[in-house]
């Protein structure tokens, strides 16, 4: 089976920033992404967990998109406009996809 090169971009942001982030992703021309809740972790401020949160306001989400490599720079430009002033972790990794026409 043939695979095709792609980029996987994962962005972790505070839940209230989710809409701004997905709007920025769509503004870059990327229409496919997945949003998943983040239930805990550890960072510069130490360990944290979403347990006991009364609302989404204190939580985090991860937005993941898989794109063609040539779309990466434009996507990152739009994403950076959201995360530069807020908590946010952006990772980019190489991946392979089976159906390149979907990306």
C-alpha atoms as a PDB file:
ATOM      1  CA  UNK A   1       0.000   0.000   0.000  1.00  0.00           C
ATOM      2  CA  UNK A   2       1.397   3.419  -0.925  1.00  0.00           C
ATOM      3  CA  UNK A   3       1.771   6.127   1.688  1.00  0.00           C
ATOM      4  CA  UNK A   4       2.236   9.876   1.212  1.00  0.00           C
ATOM      5  CA  UNK A   5       4.217  12.426   3.233  1.00  0.00           C
ATOM      6  CA  UNK A   6       2.229  14.752   5.470  1.00  0.00           C
ATOM      7  CA  UNK A   7       2.683  16.917   8.566  1.00  0.00           C
ATOM      8  CA  UNK A   8       0.882  16.370  11.869  1.00  0.00           C
ATOM      9  CA  UNK A   9       0.373  19.590  13.822  1.00  0.00           C
ATOM     10  CA  UNK A  10      -0.822  19.341  17.428  1.00  0.00           C
ATOM     11  CA  UNK A  11      -1.684  22.450  19.418  1.00  0.00           C
ATOM     12  CA  UNK A  12      -2.560  22.459  23.112  1.00  0.00           C
ATOM     13  CA  UNK A  13      -4.402  25.572  24.326  1.00  0.00           C
ATOM     14  CA  UNK A  14      -6.682  26.616  27.141  1.00  0.00           C
ATOM     15  CA  UNK A  15     -10.295  25.626  26.397  1.00  0.00           C
ATOM     16  CA  UNK A  16     -11.586  29.194  26.054  1.00  0.00           C
ATOM     17  CA  UNK A  17      -9.106  29.709  23.184  1.00  0.00           C
ATOM     18  CA  UNK A  18     -10.420  26.737  21.192  1.00  0.00           C
ATOM     19  CA  UNK A  19     -12.730  28.752  18.943  1.00  0.00           C
ATOM     20  CA  UNK A  20     -10.081  31.380  18.154  1.00  0.00           C
ATOM     21  CA  UNK A  21      -7.635  28.601  17.328  1.00  0.00           C
ATOM     22  CA  UNK A  22      -9.999  26.671  15.064  1.00  0.00           C
ATOM     23  CA  UNK A  23     -10.986  29.929  13.337  1.00  0.00           C
ATOM     24  CA  UNK A  24      -7.276  30.608  12.713  1.00  0.00           C
ATOM     25  CA  UNK A  25      -6.779  27.084  11.374  1.00  0.00           C
ATOM     26  CA  UNK A  26      -9.698  27.523   8.993  1.00  0.00           C
ATOM     27  CA  UNK A  27      -8.394  30.975   7.944  1.00  0.00           C
ATOM     28  CA  UNK A  28      -5.205  29.251   6.798  1.00  0.00           C
ATOM     29  CA  UNK A  29      -7.274  27.069   4.474  1.00  0.00           C
ATOM     30  CA  UNK A  30      -7.167  23.918   6.595  1.00  0.00           C
ATOM     31  CA  UNK A  31     -10.667  22.507   7.052  1.00  0.00           C
ATOM     32  CA  UNK A  32      -9.930  19.212   8.788  1.00  0.00           C
ATOM     33  CA  UNK A  33      -8.943  18.990  12.440  1.00  0.00           C
ATOM     34  CA  UNK A  34      -9.765  17.054  15.583  1.00  0.00           C
ATOM     35  CA  UNK A  35     -10.311  18.539  19.049  1.00  0.00           C
ATOM     36  CA  UNK A  36      -9.676  16.363  22.103  1.00  0.00           C
ATOM     37  CA  UNK A  37      -9.858  17.244  25.800  1.00  0.00           C
ATOM     38  CA  UNK A  38      -6.616  17.253  27.774  1.00  0.00           C
ATOM     39  CA  UNK A  39      -7.174  15.740  31.208  1.00  0.00           C
ATOM     40  CA  UNK A  40      -3.864  16.640  32.806  1.00  0.00           C
ATOM     41  CA  UNK A  41      -0.143  17.009  32.439  1.00  0.00           C
ATOM     42  CA  UNK A  42       2.943  18.704  33.714  1.00  0.00           C
ATOM     43  CA  UNK A  43       4.778  21.775  32.468  1.00  0.00           C
ATOM     44  CA  UNK A  44       6.886  24.705  33.643  1.00  0.00           C
ATOM     45  CA  UNK A  45       4.391  25.395  36.441  1.00  0.00           C
ATOM     46  CA  UNK A  46       4.315  21.780  37.587  1.00  0.00           C
ATOM     47  CA  UNK A  47       1.669  19.072  37.422  1.00  0.00           C
ATOM     48  CA  UNK A  48      -1.975  19.909  36.842  1.00  0.00           C
ATOM     49  CA  UNK A  49      -5.229  18.047  36.267  1.00  0.00           C
ATOM     50  CA  UNK A  50      -8.690  18.923  35.003  1.00  0.00           C
ATOM     51  CA  UNK A  51     -10.195  16.904  37.857  1.00  0.00           C
ATOM     52  CA  UNK A  52     -12.458  19.011  40.012  1.00  0.00           C
ATOM     53  CA  UNK A  53     -12.883  21.779  37.431  1.00  0.00           C
ATOM     54  CA  UNK A  54     -16.373  23.220  37.546  1.00  0.00           C
ATOM     55  CA  UNK A  55     -16.301  24.526  33.962  1.00  0.00           C
ATOM     56  CA  UNK A  56     -14.314  24.210  30.766  1.00  0.00           C
ATOM     57  CA  UNK A  57     -12.653  27.564  31.515  1.00  0.00           C
ATOM     58  CA  UNK A  58      -9.824  25.959  33.479  1.00  0.00           C
ATOM     59  CA  UNK A  59      -9.267  23.087  31.100  1.00  0.00           C
ATOM     60  CA  UNK A  60      -7.112  22.480  28.078  1.00  0.00           C
ATOM     61  CA  UNK A  61      -7.778  21.021  24.638  1.00  0.00           C
ATOM     62  CA  UNK A  62      -5.562  19.641  21.920  1.00  0.00           C
ATOM     63  CA  UNK A  63      -6.337  20.468  18.307  1.00  0.00           C
ATOM     64  CA  UNK A  64      -4.733  18.108  15.797  1.00  0.00           C
ATOM     65  CA  UNK A  65      -4.545  18.475  12.036  1.00  0.00           C
ATOM     66  CA  UNK A  66      -2.800  16.490   9.340  1.00  0.00           C
ATOM     67  CA  UNK A  67      -1.863  18.555   6.309  1.00  0.00           C
ATOM     68  CA  UNK A  68       0.189  18.549   3.134  1.00  0.00           C
ATOM     69  CA  UNK A  69       3.741  19.750   3.832  1.00  0.00           C
ATOM     70  CA  UNK A  70       3.369  22.810   1.569  1.00  0.00           C
ATOM     71  CA  UNK A  71       0.553  24.164   3.789  1.00  0.00           C
ATOM     72  CA  UNK A  72       2.620  24.125   6.978  1.00  0.00           C
ATOM     73  CA  UNK A  73       4.098  27.649   6.916  1.00  0.00           C
ATOM     74  CA  UNK A  74       0.751  29.351   6.365  1.00  0.00           C
ATOM     75  CA  UNK A  75      -0.921  27.266   9.061  1.00  0.00           C
ATOM     76  CA  UNK A  76       1.814  28.047  11.595  1.00  0.00           C
ATOM     77  CA  UNK A  77       1.594  31.767  10.822  1.00  0.00           C
ATOM     78  CA  UNK A  78      -2.130  31.778  11.655  1.00  0.00           C
ATOM     79  CA  UNK A  79      -1.722  29.548  14.730  1.00  0.00           C
ATOM     80  CA  UNK A  80       1.087  31.705  16.130  1.00  0.00           C
ATOM     81  CA  UNK A  81      -1.215  34.736  16.097  1.00  0.00           C
ATOM     82  CA  UNK A  82      -3.385  32.886  18.646  1.00  0.00           C
ATOM     83  CA  UNK A  83      -0.787  31.208  20.858  1.00  0.00           C
ATOM     84  CA  UNK A  84       1.862  33.951  21.042  1.00  0.00           C
ATOM     85  CA  UNK A  85       0.065  35.748  23.916  1.00  0.00           C
ATOM     86  CA  UNK A  86      -1.520  32.728  25.591  1.00  0.00           C
ATOM     87  CA  UNK A  87      -0.608  29.358  26.997  1.00  0.00           C
ATOM     88  CA  UNK A  88      -0.009  27.082  24.063  1.00  0.00           C
ATOM     89  CA  UNK A  89       2.217  24.274  22.901  1.00  0.00           C
ATOM     90  CA  UNK A  90       2.626  23.632  19.180  1.00  0.00           C
ATOM     91  CA  UNK A  91       4.326  20.519  17.841  1.00  0.00           C
ATOM     92  CA  UNK A  92       4.968  19.513  14.247  1.00  0.00           C
ATOM     93  CA  UNK A  93       5.925  16.011  13.189  1.00  0.00           C
ATOM     94  CA  UNK A  94       6.300  14.091   9.972  1.00  0.00           C
ATOM     95  CA  UNK A  95       3.709  11.429   9.258  1.00  0.00           C
ATOM     96  CA  UNK A  96       2.440   9.242   6.458  1.00  0.00           C
ATOM     97  CA  UNK A  97      -1.124   9.048   5.173  1.00  0.00           C
ATOM     98  CA  UNK A  98      -2.829   6.481   2.993  1.00  0.00           C
ATOM     99  CA  UNK A  99      -5.259   8.726   1.106  1.00  0.00           C
ATOM    100  CA  UNK A 100      -3.396  11.921   0.157  1.00  0.00           C
ATOM    101  CA  UNK A 101      -6.448  13.372  -1.605  1.00  0.00           C
ATOM    102  CA  UNK A 102      -8.113  13.819   1.803  1.00  0.00           C
ATOM    103  CA  UNK A 103      -5.467  16.301   2.932  1.00  0.00           C
END
